[in-house]
C-alpha cells in the first residue's frame, strides 16, 4: 500500500528527542544573555558611581556652592582720639576686605586708609569666595595690628601708614607678591553633602559587586 512499516517509525519517533535537545540548549542562551546584561549593568553602575563621586565633591566645594564662612565680627578700636575700622565692603580701598580706615573719633572725619594686603582674583572662580577679610584689629605699642583669614599678621604705623609683617601680595618690591585664596573650613552643609555622596558611591559599588558575582555563577 505504500504505507510506512513499523521499522520506519524509528526516525519519526526520534524527532521529538531532537526537538527536546534544541530546547535544552536554551538555558545556555539565557546564560549568555544574562552575562551580557550584567556587563552592561556594571558599566552603567561604574558611570553612576563616578558621576555621584564627582557631584559630591563639586557640591561640597565652597567655590562651587558660591558660599564662604561667616565673616568675623571685628569691632572698631579707639586709641587716643583716633578710631580704627575695617569696613569689608564699600571701603576707600580697591578691594573687599584688607582695608583699615582711621577716623577722627570726635568729628568722624576720615584721616587715612590703608590697603593692608592685596587679594588677587582668579577669573574662573566666583569673586566673593576669594575675598579675604580681616579677623582681628588691635592697637599695641603704638602700632595697629591686623590679622586676616589666611592667618597672616601685619602692623601699621599710624603716623606713616607703612605696613610691615607678612608678605602683603602687593608690595612693588615683591613684584606683585602672592595670590591669597581663602581656605576656610567648609560649612556643615558642605560636609553633609560630601558624606552623603560617599554613601551613595559605596552603595552603587556594593550593587555592582553583587551583579558581578551573580553573573559568574
Protein backbone atom coordinates (compact mmCIF):
# COMPACT_ATOMS: atom_id res chain seq x y z
CA UNK A 1 0.00 0.00 0.00
CA UNK A 2 2.99 2.28 0.14
CA UNK A 3 2.38 2.87 3.89
CA UNK A 4 5.18 3.11 6.37
CA UNK A 5 6.12 -0.02 8.33
CA UNK A 6 6.86 -0.21 11.99
CA UNK A 7 10.54 -0.12 11.19
CA UNK A 8 10.06 3.21 9.51
CA UNK A 9 8.72 4.79 12.69
CA UNK A 10 12.14 4.95 14.27
CA UNK A 11 13.21 8.25 12.71
CA UNK A 12 9.74 9.67 13.27
CA UNK A 13 9.87 8.87 16.97
CA UNK A 14 13.33 10.36 17.18
CA UNK A 15 12.22 13.78 16.03
CA UNK A 16 10.76 14.83 19.42
CA UNK A 17 14.09 13.92 21.02
CA UNK A 18 15.88 16.23 18.58
CA UNK A 19 13.37 18.93 19.34
CA UNK A 20 13.90 18.35 23.04
CA UNK A 21 17.63 18.65 22.50
CA UNK A 22 17.14 22.03 20.86
CA UNK A 23 15.04 23.22 23.78
CA UNK A 24 17.68 22.03 26.19
CA UNK A 25 20.07 24.49 24.51
CA UNK A 26 18.00 27.50 25.61
CA UNK A 27 19.50 27.72 29.15
CA UNK A 28 22.91 28.34 27.58
CA UNK A 29 21.43 31.15 25.53
CA UNK A 30 19.76 32.55 28.62
CA UNK A 31 23.08 32.42 30.45
CA UNK A 32 24.82 34.35 27.66
CA UNK A 33 22.09 36.99 27.66
CA UNK A 34 22.31 37.25 31.47
CA UNK A 35 26.07 37.78 31.31
CA UNK A 36 25.71 40.47 28.66
CA UNK A 37 23.09 42.23 30.77
CA UNK A 38 25.39 42.00 33.80
CA UNK A 39 28.27 43.56 31.85
CA UNK A 40 26.00 46.36 30.66
CA UNK A 41 24.72 46.90 34.19
CA UNK A 42 28.28 47.04 35.54
CA UNK A 43 29.17 49.73 33.04
CA UNK A 44 26.15 51.80 33.98
CA UNK A 45 26.88 51.39 37.69
CA UNK A 46 30.51 52.40 37.16
CA UNK A 47 29.44 55.56 35.33
CA UNK A 48 26.86 56.30 38.03
CA UNK A 49 29.46 55.86 40.79
CA UNK A 50 31.89 58.18 39.04
CA UNK A 51 29.18 60.80 38.50
CA UNK A 52 27.98 60.55 42.10
CA UNK A 53 31.53 60.99 43.40
CA UNK A 54 32.12 63.99 41.17
CA UNK A 55 28.87 65.65 42.23
CA UNK A 56 29.60 65.00 45.90
CA UNK A 57 32.99 66.69 45.62
CA UNK A 58 31.67 69.53 43.50
CA UNK A 59 28.69 70.28 45.75
CA UNK A 60 30.82 70.11 48.88
CA UNK A 61 33.25 72.65 47.50
CA UNK A 62 32.75 76.22 48.78
CA UNK A 63 33.83 77.51 45.34
CA UNK A 64 31.10 75.52 43.61
CA UNK A 65 28.38 76.48 46.06
CA UNK A 66 29.35 80.14 46.00
CA UNK A 67 29.32 80.23 49.80
CA UNK A 68 32.02 81.20 52.27
CA UNK A 69 32.37 81.02 56.05
CA UNK A 70 30.64 83.74 58.02
CA UNK A 71 32.66 86.92 58.46
CA UNK A 72 34.34 87.60 61.78
CA UNK A 73 32.88 90.42 63.85
CA UNK A 74 35.69 92.96 64.14
CA UNK A 75 34.58 95.98 66.20
CA UNK A 76 36.21 99.42 65.83
CA UNK A 77 39.18 100.20 68.06
CA UNK A 78 39.73 103.65 69.60
CA UNK A 79 43.20 104.85 70.57
CA UNK A 80 43.55 108.45 71.73
CA UNK A 81 41.13 110.38 69.54
CA UNK A 82 41.52 108.07 66.53
CA UNK A 83 39.02 105.35 65.68
CA UNK A 84 40.19 102.48 63.51
CA UNK A 85 37.70 100.44 61.50
CA UNK A 86 37.89 97.59 58.99
CA UNK A 87 34.98 98.00 56.55
CA UNK A 88 34.71 94.87 54.45
CA UNK A 89 32.66 96.45 51.67
CA UNK A 90 32.24 99.94 50.24
CA UNK A 91 35.59 100.98 51.67
CA UNK A 92 38.12 103.54 50.33
CA UNK A 93 40.45 100.72 49.21
CA UNK A 94 40.37 98.94 45.84
CA UNK A 95 39.06 95.59 47.08
CA UNK A 96 36.73 93.88 49.53
CA UNK A 97 38.49 93.29 52.84
CA UNK A 98 42.05 94.09 53.80
CA UNK A 99 41.27 97.76 54.38
CA UNK A 100 41.91 99.74 57.58
CA UNK A 101 40.38 103.20 57.89
CA UNK A 102 41.24 105.81 60.53
CA UNK A 103 38.72 108.47 61.62
CA UNK A 104 38.81 111.41 63.98
CA UNK A 105 36.72 109.99 66.80
CA UNK A 106 35.23 113.41 67.61
CA UNK A 107 34.36 114.74 64.16
CA UNK A 108 34.22 111.42 62.27
CA UNK A 109 36.48 112.96 59.64
CA UNK A 110 38.43 110.47 57.53
CA UNK A 111 42.12 110.65 58.43
CA UNK A 112 43.59 107.94 56.23
CA UNK A 113 43.02 104.47 54.83
CA UNK A 114 45.45 101.67 54.13
CA UNK A 115 45.15 98.62 51.89
CA UNK A 116 46.95 96.26 54.25
CA UNK A 117 47.30 93.41 51.74
CA UNK A 118 46.20 92.69 48.19
CA UNK A 119 43.90 89.90 47.05
CA UNK A 120 44.44 88.58 43.54
CA UNK A 121 41.33 87.10 41.95
CA UNK A 122 41.04 84.09 39.67
CA UNK A 123 38.57 84.99 36.91
CA UNK A 124 37.44 81.36 36.62
CA UNK A 125 36.10 81.37 40.21
CA UNK A 126 33.38 83.37 41.90
CA UNK A 127 34.86 86.57 43.25
CA UNK A 128 33.05 86.64 46.58
CA UNK A 129 34.52 83.32 47.74
CA UNK A 130 38.01 84.65 47.05
CA UNK A 131 37.69 87.75 49.23
CA UNK A 132 39.98 87.69 52.26
CA UNK A 133 38.79 89.63 55.27
CA UNK A 134 40.41 90.94 58.42
CA UNK A 135 39.63 88.90 61.53
CA UNK A 136 41.44 90.87 64.23
CA UNK A 137 42.21 94.54 64.88
CA UNK A 138 44.12 95.83 67.92
CA UNK A 139 46.39 98.70 68.88
CA UNK A 140 49.55 97.81 70.81
CA UNK A 141 52.82 99.65 71.29
CA UNK A 142 51.73 102.48 69.02
CA UNK A 143 51.09 100.05 66.14
CA UNK A 144 47.79 99.00 64.57
CA UNK A 145 47.90 95.20 64.46
CA UNK A 146 45.88 93.26 61.93
CA UNK A 147 45.31 89.55 61.20
CA UNK A 148 43.31 88.07 58.34
CA UNK A 149 41.53 84.85 57.37
CA UNK A 150 44.73 83.40 55.97
CA UNK A 151 46.39 83.65 59.37
CA UNK A 152 48.71 86.44 58.19
CA UNK A 153 49.68 89.27 60.55
CA UNK A 154 50.54 92.87 59.80
CA UNK A 155 51.45 96.05 61.67
CA UNK A 156 50.55 99.57 60.53
CA UNK A 157 52.44 102.64 61.64
CA UNK A 158 49.62 105.15 62.20
CA UNK A 159 51.97 108.06 61.54
CA UNK A 160 53.43 106.94 58.20
CA UNK A 161 50.82 104.32 57.27
CA UNK A 162 53.65 101.94 56.44
CA UNK A 163 52.75 98.25 56.65
CA UNK A 164 55.14 95.59 57.94
CA UNK A 165 54.78 91.92 58.76
CA UNK A 166 53.89 89.02 56.47
CA UNK A 167 54.02 89.27 52.68
CA UNK A 168 51.27 91.61 51.53
CA UNK A 169 50.94 90.33 47.99
CA UNK A 170 51.05 93.86 46.61
CA UNK A 171 54.49 95.19 47.55
CA UNK A 172 56.16 96.58 44.46
CA UNK A 173 59.46 95.26 45.70
CA UNK A 174 57.98 91.76 45.64
CA UNK A 175 56.81 92.15 42.06
CA UNK A 176 53.17 91.68 42.88
CA UNK A 177 53.71 89.08 45.57
CA UNK A 178 51.46 86.11 46.15
CA UNK A 179 47.86 85.31 45.41
CA UNK A 180 45.86 84.62 48.56
CA UNK A 181 42.81 82.37 48.24
CA UNK A 182 40.56 81.60 51.21
CA UNK A 183 40.84 78.14 52.67
CA UNK A 184 38.33 78.49 55.46
CA UNK A 185 36.58 75.44 56.91
CA UNK A 186 33.71 74.00 54.95
CA UNK A 187 30.21 74.69 56.10
CA UNK A 188 28.20 71.95 57.79
CA UNK A 189 26.10 71.67 54.64
CA UNK A 190 29.18 71.01 52.54
CA UNK A 191 30.40 68.27 54.88
CA UNK A 192 26.96 66.64 54.91
CA UNK A 193 26.72 66.66 51.11
CA UNK A 194 30.17 65.10 50.87
CA UNK A 195 29.24 62.39 53.40
CA UNK A 196 26.00 61.53 51.58
CA UNK A 197 27.87 61.39 48.29
CA UNK A 198 30.34 58.90 49.71
CA UNK A 199 27.49 56.73 50.98
CA UNK A 200 25.85 56.82 47.55
CA UNK A 201 29.06 55.76 45.83
CA UNK A 202 29.59 52.94 48.34
CA UNK A 203 26.04 51.65 47.75
CA UNK A 204 26.49 51.66 43.98
CA UNK A 205 29.78 49.79 44.25
CA UNK A 206 28.19 47.16 46.51
CA UNK A 207 25.39 46.59 43.99
CA UNK A 208 27.95 46.33 41.20
CA UNK A 209 29.86 43.65 43.09
CA UNK A 210 26.65 41.73 43.71
CA UNK A 211 25.75 41.78 40.00
CA UNK A 212 29.28 40.67 39.11
CA UNK A 213 29.11 37.71 41.49
CA UNK A 214 25.68 36.74 40.12
CA UNK A 215 26.92 36.81 36.53
CA UNK A 216 29.76 34.43 37.36
CA UNK A 217 27.51 31.74 38.81
